[in-house]
């Protein structure tokens, strides 16, 4: 199966003014709702940008899905572009990897 090209702009390494703990808490909060976890899982499975199909796989109203997407975007876990009625979203694998590393560090501190 051929992977589709990503439509989202590449992530820019924006300087963060938060500590590692603050970033970790923000990412945890973004994943603190089952619908957001489901959205992230869907995007990871697709391994490409998804345009307008997220609402179709969620048992939620479009406005509710939009709110969850907004929270995931704000956390940095997903990237997205809104172009009129068309919206494209994909996982920011760098942020997901950083979150993974933070969880590993937390487990190592036992």
PDB file of N, CA and C in Angstrom:
ATOM      1  N   UNK A   1       0.838  -1.173   0.000  1.00  0.00           N
ATOM      2  CA  UNK A   1       0.000   0.000   0.000  1.00  0.00           C
ATOM      3  C   UNK A   1       0.889   1.244   0.000  1.00  0.00           C
ATOM      4  N   UNK A   2       0.605   2.162  -0.894  1.00  0.00           N
ATOM      5  CA  UNK A   2       1.404   3.379  -1.013  1.00  0.00           C
ATOM      6  C   UNK A   2       0.944   4.406   0.015  1.00  0.00           C
ATOM      7  N   UNK A   3       1.878   5.005   0.702  1.00  0.00           N
ATOM      8  CA  UNK A   3       1.549   6.026   1.696  1.00  0.00           C
ATOM      9  C   UNK A   3       1.271   7.335   0.985  1.00  0.00           C
ATOM     10  N   UNK A   4       0.229   8.007   1.445  1.00  0.00           N
ATOM     11  CA  UNK A   4      -0.116   9.302   0.899  1.00  0.00           C
ATOM     12  C   UNK A   4       0.812  10.361   1.468  1.00  0.00           C
ATOM     13  N   UNK A   5       1.112  11.329   0.658  1.00  0.00           N
ATOM     14  CA  UNK A   5       1.956  12.430   1.086  1.00  0.00           C
ATOM     15  C   UNK A   5       1.238  13.268   2.140  1.00  0.00           C
ATOM     16  N   UNK A   6       1.981  13.798   3.087  1.00  0.00           N
ATOM     17  CA  UNK A   6       1.382  14.640   4.122  1.00  0.00           C
ATOM     18  C   UNK A   6       1.027  16.000   3.543  1.00  0.00           C
ATOM     19  N   UNK A   7      -0.182  16.466   3.900  1.00  0.00           N
ATOM     20  CA  UNK A   7      -0.625  17.770   3.414  1.00  0.00           C
ATOM     21  C   UNK A   7      -0.376  18.865   4.439  1.00  0.00           C
ATOM     22  N   UNK A   8      -0.096  18.475   5.658  1.00  0.00           N
ATOM     23  CA  UNK A   8       0.128  19.468   6.708  1.00  0.00           C
ATOM     24  C   UNK A   8       1.522  20.059   6.554  1.00  0.00           C
ATOM     25  N   UNK A   9       1.678  21.324   6.897  1.00  0.00           N
ATOM     26  CA  UNK A   9       3.009  21.922   6.808  1.00  0.00           C
ATOM     27  C   UNK A   9       3.943  21.252   7.802  1.00  0.00           C
ATOM     28  N   UNK A  10       5.232  21.169   7.480  1.00  0.00           N
ATOM     29  CA  UNK A  10       6.162  20.551   8.425  1.00  0.00           C
ATOM     30  C   UNK A  10       6.189  21.327   9.727  1.00  0.00           C
ATOM     31  N   UNK A  11       6.392  20.585  10.804  1.00  0.00           N
ATOM     32  CA  UNK A  11       6.429  21.213  12.127  1.00  0.00           C
ATOM     33  C   UNK A  11       7.623  22.141  12.221  1.00  0.00           C
ATOM     34  N   UNK A  12       7.372  23.309  12.762  1.00  0.00           N
ATOM     35  CA  UNK A  12       8.456  24.257  12.990  1.00  0.00           C
ATOM     36  C   UNK A  12       8.898  24.107  14.427  1.00  0.00           C
ATOM     37  N   UNK A  13      10.178  24.100  14.637  1.00  0.00           N
ATOM     38  CA  UNK A  13      10.710  23.958  15.999  1.00  0.00           C
ATOM     39  C   UNK A  13      10.532  25.280  16.729  1.00  0.00           C
ATOM     40  N   UNK A  14       9.340  25.485  17.238  1.00  0.00           N
ATOM     41  CA  UNK A  14       9.047  26.714  17.970  1.00  0.00           C
ATOM     42  C   UNK A  14       9.636  26.619  19.368  1.00  0.00           C
ATOM     43  N   UNK A  15      10.281  27.680  19.817  1.00  0.00           N
ATOM     44  CA  UNK A  15      10.822  27.635  21.170  1.00  0.00           C
ATOM     45  C   UNK A  15       9.685  27.538  22.167  1.00  0.00           C
ATOM     46  N   UNK A  16       9.835  26.651  23.129  1.00  0.00           N
ATOM     47  CA  UNK A  16       8.812  26.468  24.150  1.00  0.00           C
ATOM     48  C   UNK A  16       9.256  27.185  25.415  1.00  0.00           C
ATOM     49  N   UNK A  17       8.314  27.879  26.013  1.00  0.00           N
ATOM     50  CA  UNK A  17       8.594  28.589  27.256  1.00  0.00           C
ATOM     51  C   UNK A  17       8.196  27.772  28.466  1.00  0.00           C
ATOM     52  N   UNK A  18       7.882  26.510  28.248  1.00  0.00           N
ATOM     53  CA  UNK A  18       7.436  25.682  29.360  1.00  0.00           C
ATOM     54  C   UNK A  18       8.529  24.707  29.750  1.00  0.00           C
ATOM     55  N   UNK A  19       8.479  24.283  30.989  1.00  0.00           N
ATOM     56  CA  UNK A  19       9.421  23.273  31.447  1.00  0.00           C
ATOM     57  C   UNK A  19       8.979  21.925  30.899  1.00  0.00           C
ATOM     58  N   UNK A  20       9.826  20.951  31.035  1.00  0.00           N
ATOM     59  CA  UNK A  20       9.486  19.604  30.602  1.00  0.00           C
ATOM     60  C   UNK A  20       8.256  19.084  31.309  1.00  0.00           C
ATOM     61  N   UNK A  21       8.133  19.398  32.611  1.00  0.00           N
ATOM     62  CA  UNK A  21       6.970  18.955  33.371  1.00  0.00           C
ATOM     63  C   UNK A  21       5.689  19.616  32.872  1.00  0.00           C
ATOM     64  N   UNK A  22       5.759  20.889  32.523  1.00  0.00           N
ATOM     65  CA  UNK A  22       4.578  21.588  32.012  1.00  0.00           C
ATOM     66  C   UNK A  22       4.157  21.018  30.667  1.00  0.00           C
ATOM     67  N   UNK A  23       5.129  20.745  29.808  1.00  0.00           N
ATOM     68  CA  UNK A  23       4.813  20.168  28.505  1.00  0.00           C
ATOM     69  C   UNK A  23       4.209  18.774  28.685  1.00  0.00           C
ATOM     70  N   UNK A  24       4.788  17.982  29.574  1.00  0.00           N
ATOM     71  CA  UNK A  24       4.278  16.643  29.843  1.00  0.00           C
ATOM     72  C   UNK A  24       2.836  16.720  30.339  1.00  0.00           C
ATOM     73  N   UNK A  25       2.553  17.632  31.247  1.00  0.00           N
ATOM     74  CA  UNK A  25       1.201  17.793  31.778  1.00  0.00           C
ATOM     75  C   UNK A  25       0.225  18.226  30.683  1.00  0.00           C
ATOM     76  N   UNK A  26       0.664  19.112  29.805  1.00  0.00           N
ATOM     77  CA  UNK A  26      -0.184  19.568  28.701  1.00  0.00           C
ATOM     78  C   UNK A  26      -0.528  18.407  27.775  1.00  0.00           C
ATOM     79  N   UNK A  27       0.469  17.581  27.464  1.00  0.00           N
ATOM     80  CA  UNK A  27       0.230  16.432  26.593  1.00  0.00           C
ATOM     81  C   UNK A  27      -0.686  15.419  27.274  1.00  0.00           C
ATOM     82  N   UNK A  28      -0.487  15.198  28.568  1.00  0.00           N
ATOM     83  CA  UNK A  28      -1.351  14.272  29.309  1.00  0.00           C
ATOM     84  C   UNK A  28      -2.792  14.782  29.324  1.00  0.00           C
ATOM     85  N   UNK A  29      -2.932  16.078  29.529  1.00  0.00           N
ATOM     86  CA  UNK A  29      -4.276  16.664  29.554  1.00  0.00           C
ATOM     87  C   UNK A  29      -4.945  16.505  28.188  1.00  0.00           C
ATOM     88  N   UNK A  30      -4.187  16.701  27.130  1.00  0.00           N
ATOM     89  CA  UNK A  30      -4.747  16.539  25.782  1.00  0.00           C
ATOM     90  C   UNK A  30      -5.211  15.113  25.543  1.00  0.00           C
ATOM     91  N   UNK A  31      -4.538  14.161  26.167  1.00  0.00           N
ATOM     92  CA  UNK A  31      -4.906  12.749  26.018  1.00  0.00           C
ATOM     93  C   UNK A  31      -5.859  12.286  27.115  1.00  0.00           C
ATOM     94  N   UNK A  32      -6.358  13.220  27.901  1.00  0.00           N
ATOM     95  CA  UNK A  32      -7.196  12.896  29.039  1.00  0.00           C
ATOM     96  C   UNK A  32      -8.654  12.655  28.711  1.00  0.00           C
ATOM     97  N   UNK A  33      -8.987  12.510  27.448  1.00  0.00           N
ATOM     98  CA  UNK A  33     -10.368  12.215  27.068  1.00  0.00           C
ATOM     99  C   UNK A  33     -10.345  11.076  26.055  1.00  0.00           C
ATOM    100  N   UNK A  34     -11.195  10.070  26.238  1.00  0.00           N
ATOM    101  CA  UNK A  34     -11.181   8.909  25.330  1.00  0.00           C
ATOM    102  C   UNK A  34     -11.370   9.275  23.856  1.00  0.00           C
ATOM    103  N   UNK A  35     -12.153  10.299  23.575  1.00  0.00           N
ATOM    104  CA  UNK A  35     -12.363  10.697  22.168  1.00  0.00           C
ATOM    105  C   UNK A  35     -11.065  11.208  21.553  1.00  0.00           C
ATOM    106  N   UNK A  36     -10.273  11.949  22.329  1.00  0.00           N
ATOM    107  CA  UNK A  36      -9.013  12.463  21.786  1.00  0.00           C
ATOM    108  C   UNK A  36      -8.015  11.333  21.583  1.00  0.00           C
ATOM    109  N   UNK A  37      -8.028  10.362  22.481  1.00  0.00           N
ATOM    110  CA  UNK A  37      -7.165   9.188  22.301  1.00  0.00           C
ATOM    111  C   UNK A  37      -7.580   8.455  21.026  1.00  0.00           C
ATOM    112  N   UNK A  38      -8.890   8.307  20.825  1.00  0.00           N
ATOM    113  CA  UNK A  38      -9.387   7.623  19.629  1.00  0.00           C
ATOM    114  C   UNK A  38      -9.003   8.375  18.354  1.00  0.00           C
ATOM    115  N   UNK A  39      -9.090   9.686  18.383  1.00  0.00           N
ATOM    116  CA  UNK A  39      -8.695  10.489  17.215  1.00  0.00           C
ATOM    117  C   UNK A  39      -7.213  10.281  16.923  1.00  0.00           C
ATOM    118  N   UNK A  40      -6.386  10.356  17.960  1.00  0.00           N
ATOM    119  CA  UNK A  40      -4.946  10.171  17.772  1.00  0.00           C
ATOM    120  C   UNK A  40      -4.644   8.773  17.236  1.00  0.00           C
ATOM    121  N   UNK A  41      -5.301   7.751  17.792  1.00  0.00           N
ATOM    122  CA  UNK A  41      -5.101   6.383  17.308  1.00  0.00           C
ATOM    123  C   UNK A  41      -5.480   6.261  15.836  1.00  0.00           C
ATOM    124  N   UNK A  42      -6.573   6.884  15.457  1.00  0.00           N
ATOM    125  CA  UNK A  42      -7.014   6.844  14.062  1.00  0.00           C
ATOM    126  C   UNK A  42      -5.971   7.482  13.145  1.00  0.00           C
ATOM    127  N   UNK A  43      -5.466   8.637  13.544  1.00  0.00           N
ATOM    128  CA  UNK A  43      -4.464   9.326  12.721  1.00  0.00           C
ATOM    129  C   UNK A  43      -3.172   8.517  12.633  1.00  0.00           C
ATOM    130  N   UNK A  44      -2.782   7.866  13.727  1.00  0.00           N
ATOM    131  CA  UNK A  44      -1.574   7.030  13.717  1.00  0.00           C
ATOM    132  C   UNK A  44      -1.778   5.847  12.777  1.00  0.00           C
ATOM    133  N   UNK A  45      -2.945   5.204  12.860  1.00  0.00           N
ATOM    134  CA  UNK A  45      -3.239   4.063  11.966  1.00  0.00           C
ATOM    135  C   UNK A  45      -3.205   4.472  10.503  1.00  0.00           C
ATOM    136  N   UNK A  46      -3.745   5.644  10.198  1.00  0.00           N
ATOM    137  CA  UNK A  46      -3.800   6.109   8.813  1.00  0.00           C
ATOM    138  C   UNK A  46      -2.400   6.447   8.295  1.00  0.00           C
ATOM    139  N   UNK A  47      -1.514   6.894   9.165  1.00  0.00           N
ATOM    140  CA  UNK A  47      -0.138   7.262   8.840  1.00  0.00           C
ATOM    141  C   UNK A  47      -0.055   8.211   7.645  1.00  0.00           C
ATOM    142  N   UNK A  48      -0.985   9.138   7.597  1.00  0.00           N
ATOM    143  CA  UNK A  48      -0.997  10.167   6.564  1.00  0.00           C
ATOM    144  C   UNK A  48      -1.958  11.247   7.034  1.00  0.00           C
ATOM    145  N   UNK A  49      -2.000  12.328   6.315  1.00  0.00           N
ATOM    146  CA  UNK A  49      -2.964  13.367   6.660  1.00  0.00           C
ATOM    147  C   UNK A  49      -4.361  12.889   6.323  1.00  0.00           C
ATOM    148  N   UNK A  50      -5.275  13.188   7.199  1.00  0.00           N
ATOM    149  CA  UNK A  50      -6.661  12.807   7.013  1.00  0.00           C
ATOM    150  C   UNK A  50      -7.459  14.085   6.819  1.00  0.00           C
ATOM    151  N   UNK A  51      -8.171  14.147   5.713  1.00  0.00           N
ATOM    152  CA  UNK A  51      -8.956  15.335   5.387  1.00  0.00           C
ATOM    153  C   UNK A  51     -10.445  15.025   5.478  1.00  0.00           C
ATOM    154  N   UNK A  52     -11.095  15.593   6.473  1.00  0.00           N
ATOM    155  CA  UNK A  52     -12.533  15.499   6.588  1.00  0.00           C
ATOM    156  C   UNK A  52     -13.121  14.140   6.911  1.00  0.00           C
ATOM    157  N   UNK A  53     -12.329  13.138   7.225  1.00  0.00           N
ATOM    158  CA  UNK A  53     -12.854  11.804   7.483  1.00  0.00           C
ATOM    159  C   UNK A  53     -12.954  11.492   8.973  1.00  0.00           C
ATOM    160  N   UNK A  54     -12.451  12.332   9.803  1.00  0.00           N
ATOM    161  CA  UNK A  54     -12.397  12.041  11.234  1.00  0.00           C
ATOM    162  C   UNK A  54     -13.802  11.989  11.830  1.00  0.00           C
ATOM    163  N   UNK A  55     -14.662  12.901  11.437  1.00  0.00           N
ATOM    164  CA  UNK A  55     -16.021  12.934  11.972  1.00  0.00           C
ATOM    165  C   UNK A  55     -16.754  11.645  11.606  1.00  0.00           C
ATOM    166  N   UNK A  56     -16.461  11.093  10.444  1.00  0.00           N
ATOM    167  CA  UNK A  56     -17.144   9.881   9.980  1.00  0.00           C
ATOM    168  C   UNK A  56     -16.820   8.657  10.833  1.00  0.00           C
ATOM    169  N   UNK A  57     -15.662   8.634  11.500  1.00  0.00           N
ATOM    170  CA  UNK A  57     -15.281   7.466  12.302  1.00  0.00           C
ATOM    171  C   UNK A  57     -15.539   7.670  13.795  1.00  0.00           C
ATOM    172  N   UNK A  58     -16.069   8.813  14.153  1.00  0.00           N
ATOM    173  CA  UNK A  58     -16.335   9.128  15.561  1.00  0.00           C
ATOM    174  C   UNK A  58     -17.845   9.154  15.809  1.00  0.00           C
ATOM    175  N   UNK A  59     -18.285   8.608  16.933  1.00  0.00           N
ATOM    176  CA  UNK A  59     -19.715   8.640  17.250  1.00  0.00           C
ATOM    177  C   UNK A  59     -20.120   9.947  17.941  1.00  0.00           C
ATOM    178  N   UNK A  60     -19.578  11.053  17.444  1.00  0.00           N
ATOM    179  CA  UNK A  60     -19.810  12.357  18.071  1.00  0.00           C
ATOM    180  C   UNK A  60     -20.218  13.375  17.013  1.00  0.00           C
ATOM    181  N   UNK A  61     -20.844  14.441  17.453  1.00  0.00           N
ATOM    182  CA  UNK A  61     -21.217  15.524  16.550  1.00  0.00           C
ATOM    183  C   UNK A  61     -19.967  16.195  15.996  1.00  0.00           C
ATOM    184  N   UNK A  62     -20.100  16.777  14.825  1.00  0.00           N
ATOM    185  CA  UNK A  62     -18.974  17.444  14.168  1.00  0.00           C
ATOM    186  C   UNK A  62     -18.394  18.531  15.050  1.00  0.00           C
ATOM    187  N   UNK A  63     -19.234  19.289  15.737  1.00  0.00           N
ATOM    188  CA  UNK A  63     -18.733  20.375  16.588  1.00  0.00           C
ATOM    189  C   UNK A  63     -17.921  19.835  17.771  1.00  0.00           C
ATOM    190  N   UNK A  64     -18.329  18.687  18.301  1.00  0.00           N
ATOM    191  CA  UNK A  64     -17.594  18.071  19.409  1.00  0.00           C
ATOM    192  C   UNK A  64     -16.244  17.568  18.937  1.00  0.00           C
ATOM    193  N   UNK A  65     -16.224  16.923  17.775  1.00  0.00           N
ATOM    194  CA  UNK A  65     -14.958  16.448  17.207  1.00  0.00           C
ATOM    195  C   UNK A  65     -14.039  17.633  16.944  1.00  0.00           C
ATOM    196  N   UNK A  66     -14.583  18.715  16.449  1.00  0.00           N
ATOM    197  CA  UNK A  66     -13.776  19.917  16.185  1.00  0.00           C
ATOM    198  C   UNK A  66     -13.129  20.443  17.462  1.00  0.00           C
ATOM    199  N   UNK A  67     -13.864  20.426  18.567  1.00  0.00           N
ATOM    200  CA  UNK A  67     -13.308  20.874  19.847  1.00  0.00           C
ATOM    201  C   UNK A  67     -12.157  19.967  20.288  1.00  0.00           C
ATOM    202  N   UNK A  68     -12.326  18.661  20.127  1.00  0.00           N
ATOM    203  CA  UNK A  68     -11.259  17.722  20.492  1.00  0.00           C
ATOM    204  C   UNK A  68     -10.034  17.926  19.599  1.00  0.00           C
ATOM    205  N   UNK A  69     -10.253  18.143  18.318  1.00  0.00           N
ATOM    206  CA  UNK A  69      -9.140  18.396  17.394  1.00  0.00           C
ATOM    207  C   UNK A  69      -8.407  19.673  17.780  1.00  0.00           C
ATOM    208  N   UNK A  70      -9.148  20.676  18.187  1.00  0.00           N
ATOM    209  CA  UNK A  70      -8.543  21.951  18.603  1.00  0.00           C
ATOM    210  C   UNK A  70      -7.611  21.738  19.794  1.00  0.00           C
ATOM    211  N   UNK A  71      -8.044  20.940  20.762  1.00  0.00           N
ATOM    212  CA  UNK A  71      -7.219  20.663  21.951  1.00  0.00           C
ATOM    213  C   UNK A  71      -5.966  19.878  21.564  1.00  0.00           C
ATOM    214  N   UNK A  72      -6.125  18.892  20.687  1.00  0.00           N
ATOM    215  CA  UNK A  72      -4.963  18.113  20.230  1.00  0.00           C
ATOM    216  C   UNK A  72      -3.984  18.990  19.452  1.00  0.00           C
ATOM    217  N   UNK A  73      -4.499  19.900  18.644  1.00  0.00           N
ATOM    218  CA  UNK A  73      -3.626  20.819  17.894  1.00  0.00           C
ATOM    219  C   UNK A  73      -2.886  21.749  18.844  1.00  0.00           C
ATOM    220  N   UNK A  74      -3.604  22.297  19.818  1.00  0.00           N
ATOM    221  CA  UNK A  74      -2.982  23.214  20.770  1.00  0.00           C
ATOM    222  C   UNK A  74      -1.864  22.539  21.556  1.00  0.00           C
ATOM    223  N   UNK A  75      -2.027  21.253  21.836  1.00  0.00           N
ATOM    224  CA  UNK A  75      -1.002  20.523  22.593  1.00  0.00           C
ATOM    225  C   UNK A  75       0.217  20.228  21.725  1.00  0.00           C
ATOM    226  N   UNK A  76       0.035  20.263  20.414  1.00  0.00           N
ATOM    227  CA  UNK A  76       1.119  19.950  19.496  1.00  0.00           C
ATOM    228  C   UNK A  76       1.127  18.507  19.016  1.00  0.00           C
ATOM    229  N   UNK A  77       0.231  17.666  19.551  1.00  0.00           N
ATOM    230  CA  UNK A  77       0.217  16.258  19.154  1.00  0.00           C
ATOM    231  C   UNK A  77      -0.196  16.060  17.699  1.00  0.00           C
ATOM    232  N   UNK A  78      -1.040  16.950  17.196  1.00  0.00           N
ATOM    233  CA  UNK A  78      -1.399  16.867  15.784  1.00  0.00           C
ATOM    234  C   UNK A  78      -1.170  18.215  15.128  1.00  0.00           C
ATOM    235  N   UNK A  79      -0.965  18.148  13.833  1.00  0.00           N
ATOM    236  CA  UNK A  79      -0.860  19.344  13.011  1.00  0.00           C
ATOM    237  C   UNK A  79      -2.120  19.386  12.175  1.00  0.00           C
ATOM    238  N   UNK A  80      -2.506  20.562  11.787  1.00  0.00           N
ATOM    239  CA  UNK A  80      -3.692  20.639  10.952  1.00  0.00           C
ATOM    240  C   UNK A  80      -3.754  21.923  10.189  1.00  0.00           C
ATOM    241  N   UNK A  81      -4.460  21.836   9.081  1.00  0.00           N
ATOM    242  CA  UNK A  81      -4.681  22.986   8.230  1.00  0.00           C
ATOM    243  C   UNK A  81      -6.159  23.073   7.939  1.00  0.00           C
ATOM    244  N   UNK A  82      -6.735  24.225   8.152  1.00  0.00           N
ATOM    245  CA  UNK A  82      -8.137  24.427   7.842  1.00  0.00           C
ATOM    246  C   UNK A  82      -8.191  25.340   6.627  1.00  0.00           C
ATOM    247  N   UNK A  83      -8.817  24.861   5.566  1.00  0.00           N
ATOM    248  CA  UNK A  83      -8.939  25.627   4.325  1.00  0.00           C
ATOM    249  C   UNK A  83     -10.404  25.629   3.937  1.00  0.00           C
ATOM    250  N   UNK A  84     -11.157  26.599   4.468  1.00  0.00           N
ATOM    251  CA  UNK A  84     -12.596  26.641   4.229  1.00  0.00           C
ATOM    252  C   UNK A  84     -13.249  25.411   4.843  1.00  0.00           C
ATOM    253  N   UNK A  85     -14.067  24.713   4.049  1.00  0.00           N
ATOM    254  CA  UNK A  85     -14.738  23.528   4.600  1.00  0.00           C
ATOM    255  C   UNK A  85     -13.822  22.306   4.702  1.00  0.00           C
ATOM    256  N   UNK A  86     -12.632  22.401   4.135  1.00  0.00           N
ATOM    257  CA  UNK A  86     -11.708  21.267   4.132  1.00  0.00           C
ATOM    258  C   UNK A  86     -10.685  21.419   5.260  1.00  0.00           C
ATOM    259  N   UNK A  87     -10.559  20.395   6.084  1.00  0.00           N
ATOM    260  CA  UNK A  87      -9.575  20.391   7.160  1.00  0.00           C
ATOM    261  C   UNK A  87      -8.744  19.125   7.046  1.00  0.00           C
ATOM    262  N   UNK A  88      -7.435  19.272   7.182  1.00  0.00           N
ATOM    263  CA  UNK A  88      -6.530  18.126   7.123  1.00  0.00           C
ATOM    264  C   UNK A  88      -5.757  18.053   8.436  1.00  0.00           C
ATOM    265  N   UNK A  89      -5.610  16.831   8.947  1.00  0.00           N
ATOM    266  CA  UNK A  89      -4.902  16.631  10.203  1.00  0.00           C
ATOM    267  C   UNK A  89      -3.959  15.452  10.102  1.00  0.00           C
ATOM    268  N   UNK A  90      -2.837  15.551  10.791  1.00  0.00           N
ATOM    269  CA  UNK A  90      -1.898  14.439  10.876  1.00  0.00           C
ATOM    270  C   UNK A  90      -1.145  14.536  12.207  1.00  0.00           C
ATOM    271  N   UNK A  91      -0.580  13.423  12.616  1.00  0.00           N
ATOM    272  CA  UNK A  91       0.149  13.347  13.879  1.00  0.00           C
ATOM    273  C   UNK A  91       1.503  14.024  13.725  1.00  0.00           C
ATOM    274  N   UNK A  92       1.895  14.794  14.721  1.00  0.00           N
ATOM    275  CA  UNK A  92       3.250  15.331  14.759  1.00  0.00           C
ATOM    276  C   UNK A  92       4.096  14.290  15.471  1.00  0.00           C
ATOM    277  N   UNK A  93       4.796  13.485  14.693  1.00  0.00           N
ATOM    278  CA  UNK A  93       5.542  12.359  15.253  1.00  0.00           C
ATOM    279  C   UNK A  93       6.675  12.801  16.166  1.00  0.00           C
ATOM    280  N   UNK A  94       7.193  13.997  15.970  1.00  0.00           N
ATOM    281  CA  UNK A  94       8.241  14.504  16.867  1.00  0.00           C
ATOM    282  C   UNK A  94       7.688  14.737  18.265  1.00  0.00           C
ATOM    283  N   UNK A  95       6.503  15.312  18.351  1.00  0.00           N
ATOM    284  CA  UNK A  95       5.884  15.556  19.655  1.00  0.00           C
ATOM    285  C   UNK A  95       5.484  14.232  20.285  1.00  0.00           C
ATOM    286  N   UNK A  96       4.953  13.313  19.496  1.00  0.00           N
ATOM    287  CA  UNK A  96       4.573  11.998  20.021  1.00  0.00           C
ATOM    288  C   UNK A  96       5.794  11.256  20.559  1.00  0.00           C
ATOM    289  N   UNK A  97       6.922  11.363  19.869  1.00  0.00           N
ATOM    290  CA  UNK A  97       8.164  10.726  20.328  1.00  0.00           C
ATOM    291  C   UNK A  97       8.637  11.373  21.623  1.00  0.00           C
ATOM    292  N   UNK A  98       8.536  12.706  21.699  1.00  0.00           N
ATOM    293  CA  UNK A  98       8.943  13.411  22.923  1.00  0.00           C
ATOM    294  C   UNK A  98       8.069  12.970  24.099  1.00  0.00           C
ATOM    295  N   UNK A  99       6.767  12.800  23.858  1.00  0.00           N
ATOM    296  CA  UNK A  99       5.865  12.327  24.906  1.00  0.00           C
ATOM    297  C   UNK A  99       6.263  10.918  25.339  1.00  0.00           C
ATOM    298  N   UNK A 100       6.577  10.075  24.389  1.00  0.00           N
ATOM    299  CA  UNK A 100       7.026   8.705  24.682  1.00  0.00           C
ATOM    300  C   UNK A 100       8.272   8.738  25.565  1.00  0.00           C
ATOM    301  N   UNK A 101       9.212   9.583  25.207  1.00  0.00           N
ATOM    302  CA  UNK A 101      10.449   9.702  25.981  1.00  0.00           C
ATOM    303  C   UNK A 101      10.173  10.199  27.402  1.00  0.00           C
ATOM    304  N   UNK A 102       9.214  11.116  27.535  1.00  0.00           N
ATOM    305  CA  UNK A 102       8.863  11.636  28.858  1.00  0.00           C
ATOM    306  C   UNK A 102       8.273  10.531  29.729  1.00  0.00           C
ATOM    307  N   UNK A 103       7.427   9.684  29.137  1.00  0.00           N
ATOM    308  CA  UNK A 103       6.845   8.570  29.889  1.00  0.00           C
ATOM    309  C   UNK A 103       7.942   7.596  30.305  1.00  0.00           C
ATOM    310  N   UNK A 104       8.864   7.302  29.401  1.00  0.00           N
ATOM    311  CA  UNK A 104       9.979   6.413  29.737  1.00  0.00           C
ATOM    312  C   UNK A 104      10.813   6.987  30.876  1.00  0.00           C
ATOM    313  N   UNK A 105      11.092   8.270  30.838  1.00  0.00           N
ATOM    314  CA  UNK A 105      11.862   8.928  31.898  1.00  0.00           C
ATOM    315  C   UNK A 105      11.130   8.828  33.224  1.00  0.00           C
ATOM    316  N   UNK A 106       9.820   9.015  33.180  1.00  0.00           N
ATOM    317  CA  UNK A 106       9.018   8.908  34.390  1.00  0.00           C
ATOM    318  C   UNK A 106       9.107   7.506  34.974  1.00  0.00           C
ATOM    319  N   UNK A 107       9.067   6.498  34.143  1.00  0.00           N
ATOM    320  CA  UNK A 107       9.157   5.111  34.609  1.00  0.00           C
ATOM    321  C   UNK A 107      10.544   4.778  35.157  1.00  0.00           C
ATOM    322  N   UNK A 108      11.563   5.397  34.583  1.00  0.00           N
ATOM    323  CA  UNK A 108      12.934   5.151  35.041  1.00  0.00           C
ATOM    324  C   UNK A 108      13.206   5.774  36.395  1.00  0.00           C
ATOM    325  N   UNK A 109      12.404   6.742  36.800  1.00  0.00           N
ATOM    326  CA  UNK A 109      12.627   7.453  38.056  1.00  0.00           C
ATOM    327  C   UNK A 109      12.087   6.691  39.258  1.00  0.00           C
ATOM    328  N   UNK A 110      11.618   5.491  39.065  1.00  0.00           N
ATOM    329  CA  UNK A 110      11.066   4.701  40.176  1.00  0.00           C
ATOM    330  C   UNK A 110      12.166   4.229  41.087  1.00  0.00           C
TER     331      UNK A 110
END
